[in-house]
C-alpha atoms as a PDB file:
ATOM      1  CA  UNK A   1     -48.228 -40.829   0.178  1.00  0.00           C
ATOM      2  CA  UNK A   2     -49.576 -37.287   0.156  1.00  0.00           C
ATOM      3  CA  UNK A   3     -53.267 -36.452  -0.107  1.00  0.00           C
ATOM      4  CA  UNK A   4     -52.751 -34.990  -3.611  1.00  0.00           C
ATOM      5  CA  UNK A   5     -51.008 -38.170  -4.765  1.00  0.00           C
ATOM      6  CA  UNK A   6     -53.820 -40.328  -3.359  1.00  0.00           C
ATOM      7  CA  UNK A   7     -56.551 -38.131  -4.802  1.00  0.00           C
ATOM      8  CA  UNK A   8     -54.986 -37.999  -8.279  1.00  0.00           C
ATOM      9  CA  UNK A   9     -54.102 -41.659  -8.639  1.00  0.00           C
ATOM     10  CA  UNK A  10     -56.007 -43.148 -11.569  1.00  0.00           C
ATOM     11  CA  UNK A  11     -56.266 -42.849 -15.347  1.00  0.00           C
ATOM     12  CA  UNK A  12     -54.498 -39.476 -15.467  1.00  0.00           C
ATOM     13  CA  UNK A  13     -51.448 -40.747 -13.623  1.00  0.00           C
ATOM     14  CA  UNK A  14     -51.442 -44.336 -14.846  1.00  0.00           C
ATOM     15  CA  UNK A  15     -48.131 -45.169 -16.529  1.00  0.00           C
ATOM     16  CA  UNK A  16     -46.511 -41.827 -15.705  1.00  0.00           C
ATOM     17  CA  UNK A  17     -42.961 -42.960 -15.148  1.00  0.00           C
ATOM     18  CA  UNK A  18     -42.188 -40.152 -12.716  1.00  0.00           C
ATOM     19  CA  UNK A  19     -45.415 -40.188 -10.663  1.00  0.00           C
ATOM     20  CA  UNK A  20     -44.155 -39.714  -7.104  1.00  0.00           C
ATOM     21  CA  UNK A  21     -46.208 -42.384  -5.366  1.00  0.00           C
ATOM     22  CA  UNK A  22     -43.815 -42.337  -2.435  1.00  0.00           C
ATOM     23  CA  UNK A  23     -43.179 -38.593  -2.451  1.00  0.00           C
ATOM     24  CA  UNK A  24     -45.075 -35.694  -1.029  1.00  0.00           C
ATOM     25  CA  UNK A  25     -46.800 -34.480  -4.189  1.00  0.00           C
ATOM     26  CA  UNK A  26     -48.257 -31.046  -3.493  1.00  0.00           C
ATOM     27  CA  UNK A  27     -50.040 -29.703  -6.539  1.00  0.00           C
ATOM     28  CA  UNK A  28     -50.221 -26.330  -4.813  1.00  0.00           C
ATOM     29  CA  UNK A  29     -46.425 -26.075  -5.032  1.00  0.00           C
ATOM     30  CA  UNK A  30     -46.424 -26.123  -8.825  1.00  0.00           C
ATOM     31  CA  UNK A  31     -42.694 -25.754  -9.452  1.00  0.00           C
ATOM     32  CA  UNK A  32     -41.886 -28.567  -7.039  1.00  0.00           C
ATOM     33  CA  UNK A  33     -44.626 -30.799  -8.459  1.00  0.00           C
ATOM     34  CA  UNK A  34     -43.438 -30.189 -12.023  1.00  0.00           C
ATOM     35  CA  UNK A  35     -39.895 -31.041 -10.967  1.00  0.00           C
ATOM     36  CA  UNK A  36     -41.047 -34.222  -9.205  1.00  0.00           C
ATOM     37  CA  UNK A  37     -42.946 -35.242 -12.328  1.00  0.00           C
ATOM     38  CA  UNK A  38     -39.902 -34.578 -14.518  1.00  0.00           C
ATOM     39  CA  UNK A  39     -41.381 -31.717 -16.537  1.00  0.00           C
ATOM     40  CA  UNK A  40     -38.522 -29.443 -17.560  1.00  0.00           C
ATOM     41  CA  UNK A  41     -39.088 -25.682 -17.977  1.00  0.00           C
ATOM     42  CA  UNK A  42     -38.300 -25.676 -21.723  1.00  0.00           C
ATOM     43  CA  UNK A  43     -40.749 -28.525 -22.346  1.00  0.00           C
ATOM     44  CA  UNK A  44     -43.348 -26.819 -20.179  1.00  0.00           C
ATOM     45  CA  UNK A  45     -43.029 -23.626 -22.227  1.00  0.00           C
ATOM     46  CA  UNK A  46     -43.643 -25.600 -25.447  1.00  0.00           C
ATOM     47  CA  UNK A  47     -46.635 -27.360 -23.909  1.00  0.00           C
ATOM     48  CA  UNK A  48     -48.162 -24.072 -22.740  1.00  0.00           C
ATOM     49  CA  UNK A  49     -47.612 -22.583 -26.219  1.00  0.00           C
ATOM     50  CA  UNK A  50     -49.324 -25.576 -27.824  1.00  0.00           C
ATOM     51  CA  UNK A  51     -52.240 -25.414 -25.398  1.00  0.00           C
ATOM     52  CA  UNK A  52     -52.637 -21.693 -26.068  1.00  0.00           C
ATOM     53  CA  UNK A  53     -52.486 -22.183 -29.852  1.00  0.00           C
ATOM     54  CA  UNK A  54     -55.142 -24.897 -29.812  1.00  0.00           C
ATOM     55  CA  UNK A  55     -57.488 -23.732 -27.063  1.00  0.00           C
ATOM     56  CA  UNK A  56     -57.028 -19.970 -27.149  1.00  0.00           C
ATOM     57  CA  UNK A  57     -55.768 -17.757 -24.351  1.00  0.00           C
ATOM     58  CA  UNK A  58     -58.843 -17.871 -22.109  1.00  0.00           C
ATOM     59  CA  UNK A  59     -59.255 -21.647 -22.052  1.00  0.00           C
ATOM     60  CA  UNK A  60     -55.501 -22.209 -21.921  1.00  0.00           C
ATOM     61  CA  UNK A  61     -55.317 -19.898 -18.914  1.00  0.00           C
ATOM     62  CA  UNK A  62     -58.017 -21.895 -17.152  1.00  0.00           C
ATOM     63  CA  UNK A  63     -56.278 -25.184 -17.903  1.00  0.00           C
ATOM     64  CA  UNK A  64     -52.788 -24.016 -16.952  1.00  0.00           C
ATOM     65  CA  UNK A  65     -54.151 -22.383 -13.809  1.00  0.00           C
ATOM     66  CA  UNK A  66     -55.944 -25.522 -12.650  1.00  0.00           C
ATOM     67  CA  UNK A  67     -54.558 -27.334  -9.612  1.00  0.00           C
ATOM     68  CA  UNK A  68     -53.895 -30.625 -11.499  1.00  0.00           C
ATOM     69  CA  UNK A  69     -51.937 -28.779 -14.227  1.00  0.00           C
ATOM     70  CA  UNK A  70     -48.584 -30.389 -13.292  1.00  0.00           C
ATOM     71  CA  UNK A  71     -50.131 -33.822 -13.875  1.00  0.00           C
ATOM     72  CA  UNK A  72     -51.641 -32.720 -17.179  1.00  0.00           C
ATOM     73  CA  UNK A  73     -48.311 -31.254 -18.256  1.00  0.00           C
ATOM     74  CA  UNK A  74     -46.541 -34.502 -17.355  1.00  0.00           C
ATOM     75  CA  UNK A  75     -49.068 -36.486 -19.396  1.00  0.00           C
ATOM     76  CA  UNK A  76     -48.676 -34.115 -22.358  1.00  0.00           C
ATOM     77  CA  UNK A  77     -44.904 -34.405 -22.094  1.00  0.00           C
ATOM     78  CA  UNK A  78     -45.203 -38.202 -22.154  1.00  0.00           C
ATOM     79  CA  UNK A  79     -47.494 -38.107 -25.205  1.00  0.00           C
ATOM     80  CA  UNK A  80     -45.072 -35.751 -26.944  1.00  0.00           C
ATOM     81  CA  UNK A  81     -42.123 -38.043 -26.246  1.00  0.00           C
ATOM     82  CA  UNK A  82     -43.835 -41.219 -27.413  1.00  0.00           C
ATOM     83  CA  UNK A  83     -45.970 -39.941 -30.295  1.00  0.00           C
ATOM     84  CA  UNK A  84     -44.375 -36.614 -31.215  1.00  0.00           C
ATOM     85  CA  UNK A  85     -45.297 -33.017 -30.411  1.00  0.00           C
ATOM     86  CA  UNK A  86     -48.074 -32.903 -32.996  1.00  0.00           C
ATOM     87  CA  UNK A  87     -49.888 -35.661 -31.092  1.00  0.00           C
ATOM     88  CA  UNK A  88     -50.408 -33.308 -28.143  1.00  0.00           C
ATOM     89  CA  UNK A  89     -51.971 -30.699 -30.421  1.00  0.00           C
ATOM     90  CA  UNK A  90     -54.101 -33.393 -32.069  1.00  0.00           C
ATOM     91  CA  UNK A  91     -55.393 -34.616 -28.687  1.00  0.00           C
ATOM     92  CA  UNK A  92     -56.207 -31.071 -27.588  1.00  0.00           C
ATOM     93  CA  UNK A  93     -57.955 -30.333 -30.891  1.00  0.00           C
ATOM     94  CA  UNK A  94     -60.044 -33.466 -30.552  1.00  0.00           C
ATOM     95  CA  UNK A  95     -60.986 -32.556 -26.964  1.00  0.00           C
ATOM     96  CA  UNK A  96     -61.750 -28.976 -27.966  1.00  0.00           C
ATOM     97  CA  UNK A  97     -64.241 -30.116 -30.628  1.00  0.00           C
ATOM     98  CA  UNK A  98     -65.894 -32.811 -28.486  1.00  0.00           C
ATOM     99  CA  UNK A  99     -68.935 -31.279 -26.823  1.00  0.00           C
ATOM    100  CA  UNK A 100     -70.189 -34.543 -25.328  1.00  0.00           C
ATOM    101  CA  UNK A 101     -69.042 -33.540 -21.867  1.00  0.00           C
END
């Protein structure tokens, strides 16, 4: 298991059906990581648009540019599949208004 896979294992990756526990997950190789996690380009574009709509361009840029972004995108894709696309926006809105952290 790669160092990225070991380091990221936990609540963020729990129940991700495509988490490559036996693959060489390299979050620095974003396209490869997104492919390994099963995030298709069209879905990714919708996720980025949703993130930008909810968080604004600056915060969305920081989130999308973060190293664990492929894992976040995979989680958002999973939420969208199980609960519908609006659920992703609802989660982001809730996080955006929670200043407890």
